[in-house]
Amino acid sequence: MSTFTHAACLQLDFTNYWHAGSGRGSGYHLDALCERDPDQLPVMPGRQIKGLLRQAVHRAEAWGWFAELPLVQGPMLRHEDLLFGSSTQIERRDFTQPGMLLVDSAHLPDTERQWLAHTEQAALRAELFGELFSTAINEQGSAQRFSLRGLEVCIPLTLHAPLVQAITAQHAALRAQQEAYMHASTGWAVLQAALPLLDALGAHRSRGLGEAQVSLILPAQGA
């Protein structure tokens, strides 16, 4: 397999509280805790970011936003499939093809991450998280019994998620399409065009959490 790749970075500037679920709670106090990295710092899993990116690209392509970004000739007929792979919901598993885009988890910038990881910064690490509580209201306007829910949230901050475009296909025709697509830098242009549709990340986005400004940072020319 070719080792030819292009790398970039997705910057997530959260503007309010956000929650990336870990699937764990803290007993009776909090029902859902935030995902943390090994240093107990906030992290947004790459699989969640990639899913939201795919959704944004799918919508933008359906609305004709990529009319000025022609798809290079080859087996894949959509930018979405070339970047993210075949849609398994509509194709047999043995017919699916891998996508080119690899998305790593989003962490704090390296300098902040290394400083906060020190043992003596444990108190500051705790300040990165808060708690929100909600309860259901009955028809009489009173709190419904046993409906109190506690959610751990992270404060507004900036995370960086490394992105890589790689040649992943084994079939010659698709490899040729991926190589031409990468050389033309079309994939980055597609992501850049779709990013305005990505305005919130994490859980409970429909309830106002996770609002963010997302930007694509490309390496300097010739870097």
C-alpha atoms as a PDB file:
ATOM      1  CA  MET A   1       0.000   0.000   0.000  1.00  0.00           C
ATOM      2  CA  SER A   2       1.256   3.490  -0.817  1.00  0.00           C
ATOM      3  CA  THR A   3       2.511   5.607   2.059  1.00  0.00           C
ATOM      4  CA  PHE A   4       1.678   8.823   0.202  1.00  0.00           C
ATOM      5  CA  THR A   5      -0.439  10.990   2.500  1.00  0.00           C
ATOM      6  CA  HIS A   6      -1.555  14.585   3.048  1.00  0.00           C
ATOM      7  CA  ALA A   7      -2.030  15.872   6.601  1.00  0.00           C
ATOM      8  CA  ALA A   8      -4.010  18.778   8.048  1.00  0.00           C
ATOM      9  CA  CYS A   9      -5.702  19.747  11.306  1.00  0.00           C
ATOM     10  CA  LEU A  10      -9.261  20.507  12.317  1.00  0.00           C
ATOM     11  CA  GLN A  11      -9.564  23.244  14.940  1.00  0.00           C
ATOM     12  CA  LEU A  12     -12.625  23.091  17.194  1.00  0.00           C
ATOM     13  CA  ASP A  13     -13.330  26.346  19.051  1.00  0.00           C
ATOM     14  CA  PHE A  14     -16.146  25.560  21.472  1.00  0.00           C
ATOM     15  CA  THR A  15     -18.206  28.592  22.460  1.00  0.00           C
ATOM     16  CA  ASN A  16     -20.227  27.011  25.264  1.00  0.00           C
ATOM     17  CA  TYR A  17     -20.407  23.858  27.386  1.00  0.00           C
ATOM     18  CA  TRP A  18     -20.019  20.567  25.511  1.00  0.00           C
ATOM     19  CA  HIS A  19     -20.178  16.862  26.277  1.00  0.00           C
ATOM     20  CA  ALA A  20     -18.451  13.921  24.602  1.00  0.00           C
ATOM     21  CA  GLY A  21     -19.907  10.898  26.340  1.00  0.00           C
ATOM     22  CA  SER A  22     -17.713   8.219  27.868  1.00  0.00           C
ATOM     23  CA  GLY A  23     -20.563   5.773  28.494  1.00  0.00           C
ATOM     24  CA  ARG A  24     -19.866   5.978  32.228  1.00  0.00           C
ATOM     25  CA  GLY A  25     -21.561   7.654  35.181  1.00  0.00           C
ATOM     26  CA  SER A  26     -20.551   8.394  38.771  1.00  0.00           C
ATOM     27  CA  GLY A  27     -23.186   6.494  40.696  1.00  0.00           C
ATOM     28  CA  TYR A  28     -26.065   8.527  42.092  1.00  0.00           C
ATOM     29  CA  HIS A  29     -24.483  11.963  41.424  1.00  0.00           C
ATOM     30  CA  LEU A  30     -23.874  12.176  37.659  1.00  0.00           C
ATOM     31  CA  ASP A  31     -25.495  10.016  35.002  1.00  0.00           C
ATOM     32  CA  ALA A  32     -22.942  10.752  32.265  1.00  0.00           C
ATOM     33  CA  LEU A  33     -19.260  11.632  32.504  1.00  0.00           C
ATOM     34  CA  CYS A  34     -17.126  13.300  29.820  1.00  0.00           C
ATOM     35  CA  GLU A  35     -14.580  11.371  27.789  1.00  0.00           C
ATOM     36  CA  ARG A  36     -11.017  11.947  29.013  1.00  0.00           C
ATOM     37  CA  ASP A  37      -7.590  11.055  27.680  1.00  0.00           C
ATOM     38  CA  PRO A  38      -5.031   9.146  29.826  1.00  0.00           C
ATOM     39  CA  ASP A  39      -3.966  12.456  31.431  1.00  0.00           C
ATOM     40  CA  GLN A  40      -7.584  13.132  32.483  1.00  0.00           C
ATOM     41  CA  LEU A  41      -7.918  15.973  29.991  1.00  0.00           C
ATOM     42  CA  PRO A  42     -10.907  16.608  27.675  1.00  0.00           C
ATOM     43  CA  VAL A  43     -11.019  14.747  24.373  1.00  0.00           C
ATOM     44  CA  MET A  44     -13.467  14.533  21.481  1.00  0.00           C
ATOM     45  CA  PRO A  45     -13.299  11.040  19.905  1.00  0.00           C
ATOM     46  CA  GLY A  46     -12.310  10.990  16.254  1.00  0.00           C
ATOM     47  CA  ARG A  47     -15.154   8.644  15.334  1.00  0.00           C
ATOM     48  CA  GLN A  48     -17.692  11.262  16.456  1.00  0.00           C
ATOM     49  CA  ILE A  49     -15.972  14.038  14.515  1.00  0.00           C
ATOM     50  CA  LYS A  50     -15.727  11.874  11.399  1.00  0.00           C
ATOM     51  CA  GLY A  51     -19.423  11.014  11.531  1.00  0.00           C
ATOM     52  CA  LEU A  52     -20.412  14.676  11.735  1.00  0.00           C
ATOM     53  CA  LEU A  53     -17.995  15.576   8.940  1.00  0.00           C
ATOM     54  CA  ARG A  54     -19.528  12.932   6.725  1.00  0.00           C
ATOM     55  CA  GLN A  55     -23.005  14.234   7.462  1.00  0.00           C
ATOM     56  CA  ALA A  56     -21.927  17.775   6.555  1.00  0.00           C
ATOM     57  CA  VAL A  57     -20.301  16.650   3.286  1.00  0.00           C
ATOM     58  CA  HIS A  58     -23.361  14.559   2.415  1.00  0.00           C
ATOM     59  CA  ARG A  59     -25.690  17.525   2.848  1.00  0.00           C
ATOM     60  CA  ALA A  60     -23.422  19.954   1.000  1.00  0.00           C
ATOM     61  CA  GLU A  61     -23.042  17.571  -1.928  1.00  0.00           C
ATOM     62  CA  ALA A  62     -26.799  16.968  -2.105  1.00  0.00           C
ATOM     63  CA  TRP A  63     -27.329  20.737  -2.268  1.00  0.00           C
ATOM     64  CA  GLY A  64     -24.825  21.194  -5.104  1.00  0.00           C
ATOM     65  CA  TRP A  65     -22.186  23.072  -3.110  1.00  0.00           C
ATOM     66  CA  PHE A  66     -19.333  21.259  -4.873  1.00  0.00           C
ATOM     67  CA  ALA A  67     -20.258  22.222  -8.424  1.00  0.00           C
ATOM     68  CA  GLU A  68     -16.905  23.986  -8.829  1.00  0.00           C
ATOM     69  CA  LEU A  69     -15.023  20.962  -7.438  1.00  0.00           C
ATOM     70  CA  PRO A  70     -15.266  18.268 -10.116  1.00  0.00           C
ATOM     71  CA  LEU A  71     -14.811  14.672  -9.016  1.00  0.00           C
ATOM     72  CA  VAL A  72     -11.903  12.945 -10.737  1.00  0.00           C
ATOM     73  CA  GLN A  73     -12.874   9.988 -12.916  1.00  0.00           C
ATOM     74  CA  GLY A  74     -13.038   6.603 -11.223  1.00  0.00           C
ATOM     75  CA  PRO A  75     -15.261   4.053  -9.460  1.00  0.00           C
ATOM     76  CA  MET A  76     -16.486   6.435  -6.759  1.00  0.00           C
ATOM     77  CA  LEU A  77     -19.226   8.763  -7.975  1.00  0.00           C
ATOM     78  CA  ARG A  78     -19.487  11.076  -4.963  1.00  0.00           C
ATOM     79  CA  HIS A  79     -17.033  13.120  -2.906  1.00  0.00           C
ATOM     80  CA  GLU A  80     -18.616  11.658   0.226  1.00  0.00           C
ATOM     81  CA  ASP A  81     -17.825   8.071  -0.758  1.00  0.00           C
ATOM     82  CA  LEU A  82     -14.307   8.874  -1.922  1.00  0.00           C
ATOM     83  CA  LEU A  83     -13.454  10.605   1.363  1.00  0.00           C
ATOM     84  CA  PHE A  84     -15.382   8.433   3.818  1.00  0.00           C
ATOM     85  CA  GLY A  85     -15.858   5.105   2.031  1.00  0.00           C
ATOM     86  CA  SER A  86     -18.868   3.228   0.753  1.00  0.00           C
ATOM     87  CA  SER A  87     -22.190   3.522   2.553  1.00  0.00           C
ATOM     88  CA  THR A  88     -22.750   0.068   4.033  1.00  0.00           C
ATOM     89  CA  GLN A  89     -26.473   0.720   4.364  1.00  0.00           C
ATOM     90  CA  ILE A  90     -26.935   0.517   0.587  1.00  0.00           C
ATOM     91  CA  GLU A  91     -24.210  -1.913  -0.484  1.00  0.00           C
ATOM     92  CA  ARG A  92     -23.220  -5.452   0.363  1.00  0.00           C
ATOM     93  CA  ARG A  93     -20.348  -5.632   2.848  1.00  0.00           C
ATOM     94  CA  ASP A  94     -18.049  -7.350   0.318  1.00  0.00           C
ATOM     95  CA  PHE A  95     -18.627  -4.490  -2.148  1.00  0.00           C
ATOM     96  CA  THR A  96     -17.699  -1.664   0.221  1.00  0.00           C
ATOM     97  CA  GLN A  97     -14.524   0.368  -0.331  1.00  0.00           C
ATOM     98  CA  PRO A  98     -12.428   2.294   2.217  1.00  0.00           C
ATOM     99  CA  GLY A  99     -12.399   6.060   2.386  1.00  0.00           C
ATOM    100  CA  MET A 100      -9.348   8.294   2.205  1.00  0.00           C
ATOM    101  CA  LEU A 101      -9.965  10.479   5.260  1.00  0.00           C
ATOM    102  CA  LEU A 102      -8.563   9.432   8.638  1.00  0.00           C
ATOM    103  CA  VAL A 103      -9.686  11.486  11.659  1.00  0.00           C
ATOM    104  CA  ASP A 104      -7.856  11.331  14.975  1.00  0.00           C
ATOM    105  CA  SER A 105      -9.359  12.335  18.311  1.00  0.00           C
ATOM    106  CA  ALA A 106      -9.305  16.035  19.195  1.00  0.00           C
ATOM    107  CA  HIS A 107      -7.120  17.109  22.121  1.00  0.00           C
ATOM    108  CA  LEU A 108      -5.977  20.361  23.667  1.00  0.00           C
ATOM    109  CA  PRO A 109      -3.067  22.018  21.828  1.00  0.00           C
ATOM    110  CA  ASP A 110       0.222  20.288  22.664  1.00  0.00           C
ATOM    111  CA  THR A 111       1.678  23.053  24.850  1.00  0.00           C
ATOM    112  CA  GLU A 112      -1.440  23.299  27.035  1.00  0.00           C
ATOM    113  CA  ARG A 113      -1.835  19.548  27.127  1.00  0.00           C
ATOM    114  CA  GLN A 114       1.719  18.919  28.316  1.00  0.00           C
ATOM    115  CA  TRP A 115       1.500  21.607  31.012  1.00  0.00           C
ATOM    116  CA  LEU A 116      -1.864  20.487  32.376  1.00  0.00           C
ATOM    117  CA  ALA A 117      -0.738  16.844  32.425  1.00  0.00           C
ATOM    118  CA  HIS A 118       1.766  17.573  35.214  1.00  0.00           C
ATOM    119  CA  THR A 119       0.853  16.100  38.594  1.00  0.00           C
ATOM    120  CA  GLU A 120       0.810  19.514  40.274  1.00  0.00           C
ATOM    121  CA  GLN A 121      -1.920  20.735  37.879  1.00  0.00           C
ATOM    122  CA  ALA A 122      -4.566  18.284  39.126  1.00  0.00           C
ATOM    123  CA  ALA A 123      -6.681  21.100  40.604  1.00  0.00           C
ATOM    124  CA  LEU A 124      -6.623  23.017  37.316  1.00  0.00           C
ATOM    125  CA  ARG A 125      -7.601  19.913  35.347  1.00  0.00           C
ATOM    126  CA  ALA A 126     -10.696  19.597  37.525  1.00  0.00           C
ATOM    127  CA  GLU A 127     -11.683  23.188  36.646  1.00  0.00           C
ATOM    128  CA  LEU A 128     -12.055  22.205  32.985  1.00  0.00           C
ATOM    129  CA  PHE A 129     -15.276  20.367  33.837  1.00  0.00           C
ATOM    130  CA  GLY A 130     -18.637  21.420  35.226  1.00  0.00           C
ATOM    131  CA  GLU A 131     -22.014  19.894  36.042  1.00  0.00           C
ATOM    132  CA  LEU A 132     -25.488  20.497  34.633  1.00  0.00           C
ATOM    133  CA  PHE A 133     -28.690  19.130  36.135  1.00  0.00           C
ATOM    134  CA  SER A 134     -32.181  18.832  34.654  1.00  0.00           C
ATOM    135  CA  THR A 135     -35.506  17.399  35.710  1.00  0.00           C
ATOM    136  CA  ALA A 136     -38.831  16.660  34.056  1.00  0.00           C
ATOM    137  CA  ILE A 137     -41.811  18.891  34.875  1.00  0.00           C
ATOM    138  CA  ASN A 138     -45.258  17.352  35.313  1.00  0.00           C
ATOM    139  CA  GLU A 139     -48.612  18.785  34.221  1.00  0.00           C
ATOM    140  CA  GLN A 140     -48.937  20.699  37.504  1.00  0.00           C
ATOM    141  CA  GLY A 141     -45.660  22.486  36.886  1.00  0.00           C
ATOM    142  CA  SER A 142     -43.789  20.583  39.581  1.00  0.00           C
ATOM    143  CA  ALA A 143     -40.624  18.528  39.271  1.00  0.00           C
ATOM    144  CA  GLN A 144     -41.411  14.906  38.497  1.00  0.00           C
ATOM    145  CA  ARG A 145     -40.117  12.476  41.102  1.00  0.00           C
ATOM    146  CA  PHE A 146     -36.975  10.501  40.278  1.00  0.00           C
ATOM    147  CA  SER A 147     -36.407  12.459  37.048  1.00  0.00           C
ATOM    148  CA  LEU A 148     -33.317  14.411  38.125  1.00  0.00           C
ATOM    149  CA  ARG A 149     -30.428  13.850  35.714  1.00  0.00           C
ATOM    150  CA  GLY A 150     -26.842  15.027  36.094  1.00  0.00           C
ATOM    151  CA  LEU A 151     -24.506  15.617  33.172  1.00  0.00           C
ATOM    152  CA  GLU A 152     -20.810  16.398  33.317  1.00  0.00           C
ATOM    153  CA  VAL A 153     -19.765  19.021  30.765  1.00  0.00           C
ATOM    154  CA  CYS A 154     -16.533  20.582  29.621  1.00  0.00           C
ATOM    155  CA  ILE A 155     -15.965  24.331  29.565  1.00  0.00           C
ATOM    156  CA  PRO A 156     -15.462  26.236  26.272  1.00  0.00           C
ATOM    157  CA  LEU A 157     -11.964  25.678  24.916  1.00  0.00           C
ATOM    158  CA  THR A 158     -10.039  24.846  21.748  1.00  0.00           C
ATOM    159  CA  LEU A 159      -9.195  21.337  20.563  1.00  0.00           C
ATOM    160  CA  HIS A 160      -7.125  20.136  17.611  1.00  0.00           C
ATOM    161  CA  ALA A 161      -7.982  16.988  15.624  1.00  0.00           C
ATOM    162  CA  PRO A 162      -5.303  15.708  13.198  1.00  0.00           C
ATOM    163  CA  LEU A 163      -6.602  14.762   9.746  1.00  0.00           C
ATOM    164  CA  VAL A 164      -4.876  12.604   7.149  1.00  0.00           C
ATOM    165  CA  GLN A 165      -5.792  11.768   3.584  1.00  0.00           C
ATOM    166  CA  ALA A 166      -4.209   8.490   2.540  1.00  0.00           C
ATOM    167  CA  ILE A 167      -4.251   6.094  -0.394  1.00  0.00           C
ATOM    168  CA  THR A 168      -6.257   3.228   1.093  1.00  0.00           C
ATOM    169  CA  ALA A 169      -7.686   1.298  -1.878  1.00  0.00           C
ATOM    170  CA  GLN A 170      -6.345  -2.024  -3.111  1.00  0.00           C
ATOM    171  CA  HIS A 171      -8.122  -2.037  -6.477  1.00  0.00           C
ATOM    172  CA  ALA A 172      -6.093  -0.318  -9.190  1.00  0.00           C
ATOM    173  CA  ALA A 173      -8.891   1.880 -10.564  1.00  0.00           C
ATOM    174  CA  LEU A 174      -9.852   3.242  -7.162  1.00  0.00           C
ATOM    175  CA  ARG A 175      -6.199   3.745  -6.156  1.00  0.00           C
ATOM    176  CA  ALA A 176      -5.684   5.806  -9.307  1.00  0.00           C
ATOM    177  CA  GLN A 177      -8.771   7.880  -8.494  1.00  0.00           C
ATOM    178  CA  GLN A 178      -7.603   8.444  -4.919  1.00  0.00           C
ATOM    179  CA  GLU A 179      -4.119   9.494  -6.069  1.00  0.00           C
ATOM    180  CA  ALA A 180      -5.499  11.993  -8.594  1.00  0.00           C
ATOM    181  CA  TYR A 181      -7.931  13.339  -5.993  1.00  0.00           C
ATOM    182  CA  MET A 182      -5.146  13.809  -3.474  1.00  0.00           C
ATOM    183  CA  HIS A 183      -2.752  15.465  -5.917  1.00  0.00           C
ATOM    184  CA  ALA A 184      -5.477  17.975  -6.822  1.00  0.00           C
ATOM    185  CA  SER A 185      -6.128  18.707  -3.102  1.00  0.00           C
ATOM    186  CA  THR A 186      -9.835  18.441  -3.885  1.00  0.00           C
ATOM    187  CA  GLY A 187     -10.602  16.666  -0.618  1.00  0.00           C
ATOM    188  CA  TRP A 188      -9.467  19.582   1.516  1.00  0.00           C
ATOM    189  CA  ALA A 189     -11.495  21.993  -0.617  1.00  0.00           C
ATOM    190  CA  VAL A 190     -14.585  19.802  -0.162  1.00  0.00           C
ATOM    191  CA  LEU A 191     -14.162  19.739   3.624  1.00  0.00           C
ATOM    192  CA  GLN A 192     -13.572  23.499   3.706  1.00  0.00           C
ATOM    193  CA  ALA A 193     -16.782  24.121   1.758  1.00  0.00           C
ATOM    194  CA  ALA A 194     -18.840  21.832   4.030  1.00  0.00           C
ATOM    195  CA  LEU A 195     -17.553  23.093   7.397  1.00  0.00           C
ATOM    196  CA  PRO A 196     -20.175  25.876   7.782  1.00  0.00           C
ATOM    197  CA  LEU A 197     -22.719  23.078   8.239  1.00  0.00           C
ATOM    198  CA  LEU A 198     -20.792  21.785  11.256  1.00  0.00           C
ATOM    199  CA  ASP A 199     -21.744  24.213  14.013  1.00  0.00           C
ATOM    200  CA  ALA A 200     -22.003  21.893  17.031  1.00  0.00           C
ATOM    201  CA  LEU A 201     -20.274  18.735  18.230  1.00  0.00           C
ATOM    202  CA  GLY A 202     -20.799  16.121  20.919  1.00  0.00           C
ATOM    203  CA  ALA A 203     -23.936  14.984  22.689  1.00  0.00           C
ATOM    204  CA  HIS A 204     -27.084  17.029  23.371  1.00  0.00           C
ATOM    205  CA  ARG A 205     -26.482  19.333  20.385  1.00  0.00           C
ATOM    206  CA  SER A 206     -30.243  19.728  19.963  1.00  0.00           C
ATOM    207  CA  ARG A 207     -30.386  21.121  23.517  1.00  0.00           C
ATOM    208  CA  GLY A 208     -27.832  23.852  22.939  1.00  0.00           C
ATOM    209  CA  LEU A 209     -24.617  22.112  23.982  1.00  0.00           C
ATOM    210  CA  GLY A 210     -21.489  21.832  21.884  1.00  0.00           C
ATOM    211  CA  GLU A 211     -21.754  24.988  19.781  1.00  0.00           C
ATOM    212  CA  ALA A 212     -18.427  25.507  18.057  1.00  0.00           C
ATOM    213  CA  GLN A 213     -16.603  27.237  15.238  1.00  0.00           C
ATOM    214  CA  VAL A 214     -14.780  24.625  13.174  1.00  0.00           C
ATOM    215  CA  SER A 215     -11.906  25.513  10.861  1.00  0.00           C
ATOM    216  CA  LEU A 216      -9.472  23.586   8.686  1.00  0.00           C
ATOM    217  CA  ILE A 217      -5.790  24.322   9.147  1.00  0.00           C
ATOM    218  CA  LEU A 218      -3.665  23.272   6.190  1.00  0.00           C
ATOM    219  CA  PRO A 219       0.145  23.010   6.259  1.00  0.00           C
ATOM    220  CA  ALA A 220       2.081  25.882   4.737  1.00  0.00           C
ATOM    221  CA  GLN A 221       2.864  25.565   1.040  1.00  0.00           C
ATOM    222  CA  GLY A 222       5.890  23.363   0.607  1.00  0.00           C
ATOM    223  CA  ALA A 223       5.929  22.314   4.296  1.00  0.00           C
END
